[in-house]
N, C-alpha and C. Protein backbone atom coordinates (compact mmCIF):
# COMPACT_ATOMS: atom_id res chain seq x y z
N UNK A 1 0.85 -1.18 0.00
CA UNK A 1 0.00 0.00 0.00
C UNK A 1 0.89 1.23 0.00
N UNK A 2 0.54 2.25 -0.81
CA UNK A 2 1.37 3.44 -0.85
C UNK A 2 1.42 4.11 0.51
N UNK A 3 2.58 4.68 0.84
CA UNK A 3 2.71 5.33 2.14
C UNK A 3 2.11 6.72 2.15
N UNK A 4 1.96 7.36 1.00
CA UNK A 4 1.40 8.70 0.94
C UNK A 4 -0.12 8.62 0.96
N UNK A 5 -0.75 9.31 1.93
CA UNK A 5 -2.21 9.31 1.96
C UNK A 5 -2.77 10.14 0.81
N UNK A 6 -4.04 9.92 0.50
CA UNK A 6 -4.70 10.72 -0.52
C UNK A 6 -4.78 12.15 0.00
N UNK A 7 -4.37 13.14 -0.79
CA UNK A 7 -4.43 14.52 -0.30
C UNK A 7 -5.88 14.95 -0.09
N UNK A 8 -6.16 15.51 1.11
CA UNK A 8 -7.52 15.90 1.45
C UNK A 8 -7.75 17.41 1.36
N UNK A 9 -6.68 18.18 1.30
CA UNK A 9 -6.83 19.64 1.29
C UNK A 9 -7.70 20.07 0.12
N UNK A 10 -8.81 20.71 0.43
CA UNK A 10 -9.71 21.20 -0.60
C UNK A 10 -10.60 20.15 -1.23
N UNK A 11 -10.46 18.91 -0.80
CA UNK A 11 -11.25 17.82 -1.38
C UNK A 11 -12.70 17.94 -0.96
N UNK A 12 -13.62 17.67 -1.86
CA UNK A 12 -15.04 17.66 -1.54
C UNK A 12 -15.50 16.27 -1.13
N UNK A 13 -14.88 15.27 -1.72
CA UNK A 13 -15.22 13.89 -1.35
C UNK A 13 -14.03 12.98 -1.59
N UNK A 14 -14.07 11.87 -0.87
CA UNK A 14 -13.09 10.81 -1.04
C UNK A 14 -13.89 9.59 -1.46
N UNK A 15 -13.38 8.86 -2.42
CA UNK A 15 -14.04 7.63 -2.87
C UNK A 15 -13.19 6.45 -2.41
N UNK A 16 -13.84 5.58 -1.63
CA UNK A 16 -13.20 4.33 -1.22
C UNK A 16 -13.64 3.29 -2.24
N UNK A 17 -12.71 2.86 -3.06
CA UNK A 17 -13.02 1.93 -4.14
C UNK A 17 -12.86 0.49 -3.67
N UNK A 18 -13.78 -0.37 -4.06
CA UNK A 18 -13.77 -1.77 -3.65
C UNK A 18 -12.77 -2.61 -4.39
N UNK A 19 -11.57 -2.08 -4.51
CA UNK A 19 -10.45 -2.77 -5.16
C UNK A 19 -9.24 -2.60 -4.25
N UNK A 20 -8.55 -3.69 -3.97
CA UNK A 20 -7.39 -3.61 -3.10
C UNK A 20 -6.20 -3.01 -3.85
N UNK A 21 -5.17 -2.69 -3.10
CA UNK A 21 -3.96 -2.13 -3.70
C UNK A 21 -3.33 -3.11 -4.69
N UNK A 22 -3.61 -4.40 -4.55
CA UNK A 22 -3.07 -5.39 -5.48
C UNK A 22 -3.98 -5.60 -6.69
N UNK A 23 -5.13 -4.91 -6.72
CA UNK A 23 -6.04 -5.00 -7.85
C UNK A 23 -7.14 -6.03 -7.70
N UNK A 24 -7.18 -6.72 -6.57
CA UNK A 24 -8.23 -7.72 -6.34
C UNK A 24 -9.52 -7.06 -5.89
N UNK A 25 -10.67 -7.60 -6.32
CA UNK A 25 -11.94 -7.05 -5.82
C UNK A 25 -12.09 -7.33 -4.33
N UNK A 26 -12.63 -6.35 -3.61
CA UNK A 26 -12.82 -6.50 -2.17
C UNK A 26 -14.08 -7.31 -1.91
N UNK A 27 -14.02 -8.20 -0.96
CA UNK A 27 -15.14 -9.05 -0.58
C UNK A 27 -15.50 -8.81 0.87
N UNK A 28 -16.76 -8.99 1.26
CA UNK A 28 -17.88 -9.52 0.52
C UNK A 28 -18.44 -8.49 -0.47
N UNK A 29 -19.25 -8.97 -1.38
CA UNK A 29 -19.74 -8.10 -2.45
C UNK A 29 -20.64 -6.97 -1.94
N UNK A 30 -21.22 -7.11 -0.76
CA UNK A 30 -22.09 -6.06 -0.21
C UNK A 30 -21.37 -5.17 0.80
N UNK A 31 -20.04 -5.14 0.76
CA UNK A 31 -19.26 -4.39 1.74
C UNK A 31 -19.65 -2.92 1.79
N UNK A 32 -19.91 -2.30 0.64
CA UNK A 32 -20.22 -0.87 0.61
C UNK A 32 -21.54 -0.59 1.32
N UNK A 33 -22.53 -1.44 1.08
CA UNK A 33 -23.82 -1.27 1.75
C UNK A 33 -23.68 -1.47 3.25
N UNK A 34 -22.89 -2.45 3.65
CA UNK A 34 -22.67 -2.70 5.07
C UNK A 34 -21.96 -1.52 5.74
N UNK A 35 -20.92 -1.02 5.09
CA UNK A 35 -20.17 0.09 5.65
C UNK A 35 -21.05 1.34 5.78
N UNK A 36 -21.82 1.62 4.75
CA UNK A 36 -22.72 2.77 4.80
C UNK A 36 -23.83 2.55 5.82
N UNK A 37 -24.22 1.29 6.01
CA UNK A 37 -25.24 0.97 7.00
C UNK A 37 -24.79 1.32 8.40
N UNK A 38 -23.51 1.19 8.67
CA UNK A 38 -22.97 1.55 9.98
C UNK A 38 -23.17 3.04 10.24
N UNK A 39 -23.16 3.83 9.18
CA UNK A 39 -23.28 5.28 9.30
C UNK A 39 -24.71 5.77 9.08
N UNK A 40 -25.67 4.85 8.97
CA UNK A 40 -27.06 5.20 8.71
C UNK A 40 -27.71 5.88 9.90
N UNK A 41 -28.80 6.58 9.61
CA UNK A 41 -29.55 7.28 10.65
C UNK A 41 -31.04 6.95 10.51
N UNK A 42 -31.77 7.06 11.61
CA UNK A 42 -33.22 6.92 11.57
C UNK A 42 -33.82 8.30 11.40
N UNK A 43 -34.71 8.42 10.42
CA UNK A 43 -35.37 9.70 10.19
C UNK A 43 -36.62 9.85 11.04
N UNK A 44 -37.26 10.99 10.92
CA UNK A 44 -38.50 11.25 11.66
C UNK A 44 -39.60 10.28 11.25
N UNK A 45 -39.50 9.74 10.04
CA UNK A 45 -40.50 8.78 9.56
C UNK A 45 -40.23 7.36 10.06
N UNK A 46 -39.24 7.22 10.97
CA UNK A 46 -38.87 5.94 11.57
C UNK A 46 -38.28 4.97 10.55
N UNK A 47 -37.75 5.49 9.47
CA UNK A 47 -37.09 4.68 8.46
C UNK A 47 -35.60 4.96 8.51
N UNK A 48 -34.85 3.92 8.25
CA UNK A 48 -33.40 4.07 8.23
C UNK A 48 -32.99 4.60 6.85
N UNK A 49 -32.03 5.49 6.85
CA UNK A 49 -31.52 6.01 5.58
C UNK A 49 -30.03 6.27 5.71
N UNK A 50 -29.35 6.25 4.58
CA UNK A 50 -27.92 6.50 4.58
C UNK A 50 -27.64 7.93 5.02
N UNK A 51 -26.52 8.10 5.65
CA UNK A 51 -26.06 9.43 6.03
C UNK A 51 -25.86 10.25 4.75
N UNK A 52 -26.15 11.55 4.81
CA UNK A 52 -25.89 12.37 3.63
C UNK A 52 -24.39 12.51 3.33
N UNK A 53 -23.55 12.05 4.25
CA UNK A 53 -22.11 12.19 4.09
C UNK A 53 -21.40 10.91 3.65
N UNK A 54 -22.11 9.79 3.66
CA UNK A 54 -21.51 8.50 3.32
C UNK A 54 -22.53 7.70 2.50
N UNK A 55 -22.20 7.42 1.23
CA UNK A 55 -23.15 6.73 0.36
C UNK A 55 -22.48 5.66 -0.49
N UNK A 56 -23.17 4.52 -0.66
CA UNK A 56 -22.63 3.51 -1.56
C UNK A 56 -22.84 3.94 -3.01
N UNK A 57 -21.97 3.50 -3.86
CA UNK A 57 -22.06 3.84 -5.28
C UNK A 57 -21.33 2.76 -6.08
N UNK A 58 -21.20 2.99 -7.37
CA UNK A 58 -20.45 2.10 -8.25
C UNK A 58 -19.54 2.95 -9.12
N UNK A 59 -18.30 2.53 -9.24
CA UNK A 59 -17.33 3.22 -10.09
C UNK A 59 -16.61 2.19 -10.94
N UNK A 60 -16.72 2.37 -12.24
CA UNK A 60 -16.01 1.49 -13.17
C UNK A 60 -16.30 0.01 -12.89
N UNK A 61 -17.56 -0.28 -12.55
CA UNK A 61 -17.96 -1.65 -12.30
C UNK A 61 -17.63 -2.18 -10.92
N UNK A 62 -17.08 -1.35 -10.05
CA UNK A 62 -16.70 -1.77 -8.70
C UNK A 62 -17.54 -1.01 -7.67
N UNK A 63 -17.95 -1.71 -6.63
CA UNK A 63 -18.63 -1.06 -5.52
C UNK A 63 -17.67 -0.07 -4.90
N UNK A 64 -18.23 1.03 -4.41
CA UNK A 64 -17.42 2.02 -3.72
C UNK A 64 -18.27 2.76 -2.71
N UNK A 65 -17.61 3.53 -1.87
CA UNK A 65 -18.28 4.37 -0.89
C UNK A 65 -17.78 5.79 -1.11
N UNK A 66 -18.74 6.70 -1.25
CA UNK A 66 -18.43 8.12 -1.42
C UNK A 66 -18.53 8.79 -0.06
N UNK A 67 -17.46 9.42 0.36
CA UNK A 67 -17.40 10.07 1.67
C UNK A 67 -17.25 11.57 1.47
N UNK A 68 -18.23 12.32 1.92
CA UNK A 68 -18.18 13.78 1.88
C UNK A 68 -17.17 14.21 2.94
N UNK A 69 -16.17 14.98 2.55
CA UNK A 69 -15.11 15.33 3.49
C UNK A 69 -15.56 16.30 4.58
N UNK A 70 -16.76 16.85 4.47
CA UNK A 70 -17.28 17.68 5.58
C UNK A 70 -17.48 16.83 6.83
N UNK A 71 -17.58 15.51 6.64
CA UNK A 71 -17.73 14.60 7.77
C UNK A 71 -16.54 14.72 8.72
N UNK A 72 -15.37 15.03 8.18
CA UNK A 72 -14.16 15.13 9.02
C UNK A 72 -14.34 16.19 10.11
N UNK A 73 -14.97 17.31 9.77
CA UNK A 73 -15.20 18.37 10.76
C UNK A 73 -16.42 18.06 11.63
N UNK A 74 -17.44 17.45 11.05
CA UNK A 74 -18.68 17.18 11.78
C UNK A 74 -18.56 16.01 12.75
N UNK A 75 -17.85 14.98 12.33
CA UNK A 75 -17.70 13.79 13.16
C UNK A 75 -16.33 13.16 12.87
N UNK A 76 -15.29 13.71 13.49
CA UNK A 76 -13.93 13.23 13.20
C UNK A 76 -13.74 11.74 13.47
N UNK A 77 -14.42 11.20 14.48
CA UNK A 77 -14.28 9.77 14.77
C UNK A 77 -14.85 8.92 13.64
N UNK A 78 -16.00 9.32 13.11
CA UNK A 78 -16.61 8.57 12.00
C UNK A 78 -15.72 8.63 10.77
N UNK A 79 -15.18 9.82 10.48
CA UNK A 79 -14.29 9.97 9.33
C UNK A 79 -13.05 9.10 9.50
N UNK A 80 -12.47 9.13 10.70
CA UNK A 80 -11.28 8.32 10.98
C UNK A 80 -11.61 6.83 10.85
N UNK A 81 -12.79 6.43 11.29
CA UNK A 81 -13.20 5.03 11.16
C UNK A 81 -13.23 4.62 9.69
N UNK A 82 -13.83 5.44 8.84
CA UNK A 82 -13.93 5.12 7.41
C UNK A 82 -12.55 5.05 6.75
N UNK A 83 -11.70 6.02 7.07
CA UNK A 83 -10.36 6.02 6.48
C UNK A 83 -9.54 4.84 7.02
N UNK A 84 -9.75 4.51 8.29
CA UNK A 84 -9.08 3.35 8.88
C UNK A 84 -9.53 2.05 8.24
N UNK A 85 -10.82 1.96 7.94
CA UNK A 85 -11.36 0.78 7.27
C UNK A 85 -10.67 0.60 5.92
N UNK A 86 -10.57 1.69 5.17
CA UNK A 86 -9.91 1.63 3.86
C UNK A 86 -8.44 1.23 4.00
N UNK A 87 -7.77 1.84 4.96
CA UNK A 87 -6.34 1.54 5.18
C UNK A 87 -6.15 0.09 5.61
N UNK A 88 -6.92 -0.36 6.61
CA UNK A 88 -6.77 -1.71 7.14
C UNK A 88 -7.05 -2.79 6.10
N UNK A 89 -7.95 -2.49 5.16
CA UNK A 89 -8.31 -3.46 4.13
C UNK A 89 -7.58 -3.21 2.81
N UNK A 90 -6.62 -2.27 2.86
CA UNK A 90 -5.79 -1.94 1.70
C UNK A 90 -6.62 -1.60 0.47
N UNK A 91 -7.66 -0.79 0.68
CA UNK A 91 -8.52 -0.36 -0.42
C UNK A 91 -7.98 0.92 -1.05
N UNK A 92 -8.26 1.07 -2.31
CA UNK A 92 -7.80 2.25 -3.04
C UNK A 92 -8.70 3.44 -2.69
N UNK A 93 -8.07 4.60 -2.52
CA UNK A 93 -8.77 5.85 -2.27
C UNK A 93 -8.55 6.78 -3.44
N UNK A 94 -9.58 7.52 -3.78
CA UNK A 94 -9.48 8.49 -4.87
C UNK A 94 -9.93 9.85 -4.35
N UNK A 95 -9.14 10.87 -4.64
CA UNK A 95 -9.46 12.24 -4.27
C UNK A 95 -10.31 12.87 -5.38
N UNK A 96 -10.88 14.03 -5.14
CA UNK A 96 -11.78 14.64 -6.12
C UNK A 96 -11.22 14.79 -7.52
N UNK A 97 -9.94 15.13 -7.65
CA UNK A 97 -9.38 15.26 -9.00
C UNK A 97 -9.46 13.91 -9.71
N UNK A 98 -9.22 12.84 -8.97
CA UNK A 98 -9.34 11.51 -9.54
C UNK A 98 -10.81 11.12 -9.68
N UNK A 99 -11.65 11.63 -8.78
CA UNK A 99 -13.07 11.32 -8.83
C UNK A 99 -13.68 11.81 -10.13
N UNK A 100 -13.20 12.96 -10.62
CA UNK A 100 -13.71 13.47 -11.89
C UNK A 100 -13.42 12.48 -13.01
N UNK A 101 -12.24 11.86 -12.95
CA UNK A 101 -11.90 10.84 -13.94
C UNK A 101 -12.78 9.61 -13.80
N UNK A 102 -13.09 9.24 -12.57
CA UNK A 102 -13.98 8.11 -12.35
C UNK A 102 -15.38 8.41 -12.87
N UNK A 103 -15.83 9.64 -12.70
CA UNK A 103 -17.15 10.03 -13.18
C UNK A 103 -17.23 9.84 -14.69
N UNK A 104 -16.16 10.20 -15.35
CA UNK A 104 -16.13 10.03 -16.80
C UNK A 104 -16.14 8.56 -17.20
N UNK A 105 -15.72 7.69 -16.26
CA UNK A 105 -15.69 6.26 -16.52
C UNK A 105 -16.97 5.56 -16.07
N UNK A 106 -17.93 6.33 -15.57
CA UNK A 106 -19.20 5.70 -15.21
C UNK A 106 -19.56 5.70 -13.75
N UNK A 107 -19.03 6.61 -12.95
CA UNK A 107 -19.42 6.68 -11.54
C UNK A 107 -20.88 7.09 -11.49
N UNK A 108 -21.65 6.31 -10.77
CA UNK A 108 -23.06 6.64 -10.64
C UNK A 108 -23.52 6.34 -9.22
N UNK A 109 -24.39 7.13 -8.73
CA UNK A 109 -24.88 6.97 -7.38
C UNK A 109 -26.20 6.29 -7.30
């Protein structure tokens, strides 16, 4: 895994891609939904919904999690948990400049 973290200065979002540093797909296949489920909230309608700051998505055919970097200021522990999850599982991270390239390749929410 690269030693340099993804630069966050000025970033609007970080994408945790379901591909390891070695290029293998991350398992289980529902990992993104599970991870976002941890960050879910109950609304006034008593229904669970994803946090507006953490959402599952697909990029280039791979599951991913989109993390709004405002979460770092709002809930530093939650942000650290998500970044730690990516680091511990050797998942690829993409910063906004790279995210624009992913969008061109089919990033959809």
